[in-house]
């Protein structure tokens, strides 16, 4: 079984409480480890958060169309809207 522990070398350069803008920092959907156990969001909302961060520009803002997100996740626009992250 592979060792899945995070080493000190992978520690974030951003301190807790500082803004974090992932613009061009990652390929793929990135969901911060601190967000995973958060009880206020569904698993679907957490994955959607990761996708929205891929749309974020240098200013950290993103505004993809609900239709675009629903096609990418192969779900209805209502499902995307119910996530609470997109409106």
N, C-alpha and C. Protein backbone atom coordinates (compact mmCIF):
# COMPACT_ATOMS: atom_id res chain seq x y z
N UNK A 1 0.85 -1.18 0.00
CA UNK A 1 0.00 0.00 0.00
C UNK A 1 0.89 1.24 0.00
N UNK A 2 0.56 2.23 -0.79
CA UNK A 2 1.36 3.45 -0.91
C UNK A 2 1.21 4.32 0.33
N UNK A 3 2.28 5.03 0.65
CA UNK A 3 2.25 5.96 1.77
C UNK A 3 1.60 7.25 1.30
N UNK A 4 0.50 7.64 1.92
CA UNK A 4 -0.27 8.81 1.48
C UNK A 4 -0.07 10.01 2.39
N UNK A 5 0.90 9.94 3.29
CA UNK A 5 1.13 11.07 4.19
C UNK A 5 1.72 12.25 3.43
N UNK A 6 1.38 13.45 3.88
CA UNK A 6 1.91 14.67 3.28
C UNK A 6 3.21 15.02 4.00
N UNK A 7 4.27 15.22 3.23
CA UNK A 7 5.55 15.56 3.84
C UNK A 7 5.66 17.06 4.07
N UNK A 8 6.67 17.45 4.84
CA UNK A 8 6.90 18.88 5.08
C UNK A 8 7.19 19.62 3.78
N UNK A 9 7.78 18.93 2.81
CA UNK A 9 8.10 19.55 1.53
C UNK A 9 6.84 19.99 0.79
N UNK A 10 5.73 19.36 1.09
CA UNK A 10 4.47 19.70 0.42
C UNK A 10 3.67 20.72 1.21
N UNK A 11 4.23 21.25 2.30
CA UNK A 11 3.51 22.21 3.12
C UNK A 11 3.21 23.46 2.31
N UNK A 12 2.03 24.04 2.48
CA UNK A 12 1.65 25.23 1.71
C UNK A 12 2.50 26.43 2.09
N UNK A 13 2.69 27.32 1.12
CA UNK A 13 3.44 28.54 1.34
C UNK A 13 2.56 29.65 1.89
N UNK A 14 1.26 29.40 1.96
CA UNK A 14 0.30 30.39 2.46
C UNK A 14 -0.01 30.06 3.92
N UNK A 15 -0.03 31.07 4.74
CA UNK A 15 -0.34 30.87 6.15
C UNK A 15 -1.85 30.93 6.37
N UNK A 16 -2.31 30.28 7.41
CA UNK A 16 -3.73 30.26 7.73
C UNK A 16 -4.22 31.70 7.88
N UNK A 17 -5.34 31.99 7.25
CA UNK A 17 -5.93 33.32 7.30
C UNK A 17 -5.53 34.22 6.15
N UNK A 18 -4.47 33.85 5.41
CA UNK A 18 -4.05 34.64 4.26
C UNK A 18 -4.87 34.21 3.04
N UNK A 19 -5.12 35.14 2.11
CA UNK A 19 -5.84 34.78 0.90
C UNK A 19 -5.02 33.78 0.08
N UNK A 20 -5.71 32.88 -0.61
CA UNK A 20 -5.06 31.90 -1.47
C UNK A 20 -5.71 31.95 -2.82
N UNK A 21 -4.93 32.21 -3.85
CA UNK A 21 -5.43 32.22 -5.22
C UNK A 21 -4.69 31.14 -6.00
N UNK A 22 -5.37 30.07 -6.39
CA UNK A 22 -4.71 28.95 -7.05
C UNK A 22 -4.49 29.13 -8.55
N UNK A 23 -4.61 30.35 -9.06
CA UNK A 23 -4.50 30.61 -10.50
C UNK A 23 -3.20 30.02 -11.06
N UNK A 24 -3.33 29.10 -12.01
CA UNK A 24 -2.23 28.43 -12.70
C UNK A 24 -1.31 27.62 -11.79
N UNK A 25 -1.75 27.32 -10.58
CA UNK A 25 -0.91 26.57 -9.65
C UNK A 25 -1.08 25.06 -9.80
N UNK A 26 -2.19 24.60 -10.34
CA UNK A 26 -2.48 23.17 -10.39
C UNK A 26 -3.12 22.78 -11.71
N UNK A 27 -2.95 21.53 -12.10
CA UNK A 27 -3.68 20.95 -13.22
C UNK A 27 -4.64 19.94 -12.61
N UNK A 28 -5.87 20.00 -12.98
CA UNK A 28 -6.87 19.11 -12.40
C UNK A 28 -7.67 19.81 -11.34
N UNK A 29 -8.58 19.09 -10.74
CA UNK A 29 -9.45 19.65 -9.71
C UNK A 29 -8.75 19.52 -8.36
N UNK A 30 -8.59 20.63 -7.69
CA UNK A 30 -7.91 20.67 -6.40
C UNK A 30 -8.89 21.09 -5.31
N UNK A 31 -9.06 20.23 -4.33
CA UNK A 31 -9.90 20.56 -3.18
C UNK A 31 -8.99 20.57 -1.96
N UNK A 32 -8.85 21.71 -1.29
CA UNK A 32 -7.96 21.78 -0.13
C UNK A 32 -8.34 20.76 0.94
N UNK A 33 -7.34 20.16 1.55
CA UNK A 33 -7.58 19.15 2.58
C UNK A 33 -8.43 19.69 3.72
N UNK A 34 -8.28 20.94 4.05
CA UNK A 34 -9.05 21.53 5.12
C UNK A 34 -10.54 21.62 4.82
N UNK A 35 -10.88 21.61 3.54
CA UNK A 35 -12.28 21.69 3.13
C UNK A 35 -12.97 20.32 3.20
N UNK A 36 -12.21 19.26 3.04
CA UNK A 36 -12.80 17.92 2.97
C UNK A 36 -13.67 17.55 4.17
N UNK A 37 -13.23 17.80 5.42
CA UNK A 37 -14.07 17.39 6.56
C UNK A 37 -15.16 18.40 6.91
N UNK A 38 -15.24 19.52 6.19
CA UNK A 38 -16.21 20.57 6.53
C UNK A 38 -17.63 20.04 6.38
N UNK A 39 -18.42 20.04 7.46
CA UNK A 39 -19.76 19.44 7.40
C UNK A 39 -20.80 20.30 6.69
N UNK A 40 -20.51 21.55 6.42
CA UNK A 40 -21.50 22.44 5.81
C UNK A 40 -21.63 22.31 4.31
N UNK A 41 -20.79 21.48 3.68
CA UNK A 41 -20.86 21.29 2.23
C UNK A 41 -20.96 19.81 1.89
N UNK A 42 -21.74 19.51 0.87
CA UNK A 42 -21.84 18.13 0.41
C UNK A 42 -20.57 17.75 -0.36
N UNK A 43 -20.40 16.48 -0.59
CA UNK A 43 -19.27 16.01 -1.39
C UNK A 43 -19.32 16.65 -2.78
N UNK A 44 -20.52 16.76 -3.34
CA UNK A 44 -20.67 17.36 -4.66
C UNK A 44 -20.26 18.82 -4.65
N UNK A 45 -20.61 19.55 -3.61
CA UNK A 45 -20.24 20.96 -3.51
C UNK A 45 -18.73 21.12 -3.39
N UNK A 46 -18.08 20.20 -2.70
CA UNK A 46 -16.62 20.26 -2.55
C UNK A 46 -15.93 20.03 -3.89
N UNK A 47 -16.44 19.10 -4.67
CA UNK A 47 -15.88 18.87 -6.00
C UNK A 47 -16.15 20.07 -6.91
N UNK A 48 -17.31 20.64 -6.81
CA UNK A 48 -17.64 21.83 -7.60
C UNK A 48 -16.73 22.98 -7.21
N UNK A 49 -16.42 23.12 -5.93
CA UNK A 49 -15.48 24.15 -5.47
C UNK A 49 -14.15 23.99 -6.20
N UNK A 50 -13.66 22.76 -6.27
CA UNK A 50 -12.40 22.51 -6.95
C UNK A 50 -12.46 22.94 -8.42
N UNK A 51 -13.57 22.65 -9.07
CA UNK A 51 -13.72 23.04 -10.48
C UNK A 51 -13.82 24.55 -10.62
N UNK A 52 -14.53 25.20 -9.73
CA UNK A 52 -14.64 26.66 -9.79
C UNK A 52 -13.28 27.33 -9.63
N UNK A 53 -12.42 26.75 -8.81
CA UNK A 53 -11.09 27.32 -8.61
C UNK A 53 -10.27 27.26 -9.90
N UNK A 54 -10.58 26.30 -10.76
CA UNK A 54 -9.88 26.23 -12.06
C UNK A 54 -10.29 27.39 -12.96
N UNK A 55 -11.48 27.93 -12.75
CA UNK A 55 -11.94 29.07 -13.54
C UNK A 55 -11.41 30.39 -12.99
N UNK A 56 -10.96 30.40 -11.76
CA UNK A 56 -10.54 31.65 -11.12
C UNK A 56 -9.34 32.24 -11.84
N UNK A 57 -9.41 33.52 -12.10
CA UNK A 57 -8.29 34.22 -12.72
C UNK A 57 -7.34 34.75 -11.66
N UNK A 58 -6.44 35.59 -12.07
CA UNK A 58 -5.45 36.16 -11.14
C UNK A 58 -6.12 36.89 -9.98
N UNK A 59 -7.30 37.43 -10.23
CA UNK A 59 -8.01 38.17 -9.18
C UNK A 59 -8.82 37.25 -8.26
N UNK A 60 -8.83 35.95 -8.55
CA UNK A 60 -9.55 34.99 -7.72
C UNK A 60 -11.04 34.88 -8.03
N UNK A 61 -11.52 35.64 -9.00
CA UNK A 61 -12.95 35.63 -9.35
C UNK A 61 -13.21 34.64 -10.47
N UNK A 62 -14.39 34.03 -10.46
CA UNK A 62 -14.77 33.13 -11.54
C UNK A 62 -16.27 33.24 -11.75
N UNK A 63 -16.68 33.16 -13.00
CA UNK A 63 -18.09 33.30 -13.33
C UNK A 63 -18.50 32.38 -14.47
N UNK A 64 -18.28 31.07 -14.36
CA UNK A 64 -18.73 30.19 -15.43
C UNK A 64 -20.25 30.11 -15.45
N UNK A 65 -20.80 29.88 -16.61
CA UNK A 65 -22.25 29.73 -16.74
C UNK A 65 -22.70 28.43 -16.08
N UNK A 66 -23.88 28.45 -15.49
CA UNK A 66 -24.44 27.24 -14.90
C UNK A 66 -24.56 26.13 -15.93
N UNK A 67 -24.89 26.50 -17.17
CA UNK A 67 -25.00 25.52 -18.24
C UNK A 67 -23.67 24.82 -18.48
N UNK A 68 -22.57 25.58 -18.43
CA UNK A 68 -21.23 25.01 -18.62
C UNK A 68 -20.92 24.01 -17.53
N UNK A 69 -21.17 24.39 -16.28
CA UNK A 69 -20.90 23.50 -15.16
C UNK A 69 -21.77 22.25 -15.22
N UNK A 70 -23.04 22.42 -15.57
CA UNK A 70 -23.93 21.25 -15.62
C UNK A 70 -23.47 20.27 -16.70
N UNK A 71 -22.97 20.77 -17.82
CA UNK A 71 -22.45 19.88 -18.87
C UNK A 71 -21.18 19.18 -18.42
N UNK A 72 -20.28 19.91 -17.75
CA UNK A 72 -19.02 19.31 -17.33
C UNK A 72 -19.23 18.22 -16.27
N UNK A 73 -20.23 18.40 -15.41
CA UNK A 73 -20.50 17.41 -14.37
C UNK A 73 -21.57 16.41 -14.77
N UNK A 74 -22.16 16.64 -15.94
CA UNK A 74 -23.22 15.76 -16.45
C UNK A 74 -24.39 15.66 -15.45
N UNK A 75 -24.78 16.83 -14.94
CA UNK A 75 -25.92 16.93 -14.02
C UNK A 75 -26.78 18.10 -14.47
N UNK A 76 -27.95 18.23 -13.87
CA UNK A 76 -28.85 19.33 -14.24
C UNK A 76 -28.36 20.65 -13.66
N UNK A 77 -28.86 21.73 -14.23
CA UNK A 77 -28.54 23.07 -13.72
C UNK A 77 -29.07 23.19 -12.29
N UNK A 78 -30.22 22.58 -11.99
CA UNK A 78 -30.76 22.62 -10.64
C UNK A 78 -29.80 21.97 -9.64
N UNK A 79 -29.14 20.88 -10.04
CA UNK A 79 -28.19 20.22 -9.15
C UNK A 79 -27.03 21.14 -8.85
N UNK A 80 -26.52 21.82 -9.85
CA UNK A 80 -25.43 22.77 -9.65
C UNK A 80 -25.90 23.90 -8.73
N UNK A 81 -27.08 24.42 -8.97
CA UNK A 81 -27.61 25.51 -8.16
C UNK A 81 -27.80 25.10 -6.70
N UNK A 82 -28.25 23.89 -6.47
CA UNK A 82 -28.49 23.41 -5.09
C UNK A 82 -27.20 23.24 -4.30
N UNK A 83 -26.06 23.20 -4.98
CA UNK A 83 -24.79 23.02 -4.27
C UNK A 83 -24.51 24.18 -3.33
N UNK A 84 -25.09 25.34 -3.64
CA UNK A 84 -24.85 26.52 -2.81
C UNK A 84 -23.60 27.28 -3.20
N UNK A 85 -22.84 26.79 -4.17
CA UNK A 85 -21.61 27.45 -4.58
C UNK A 85 -21.78 28.26 -5.86
N UNK A 86 -22.77 27.92 -6.65
CA UNK A 86 -22.97 28.60 -7.93
C UNK A 86 -24.41 29.10 -8.00
N UNK A 87 -24.55 30.28 -8.55
CA UNK A 87 -25.90 30.81 -8.71
C UNK A 87 -25.99 31.69 -9.93
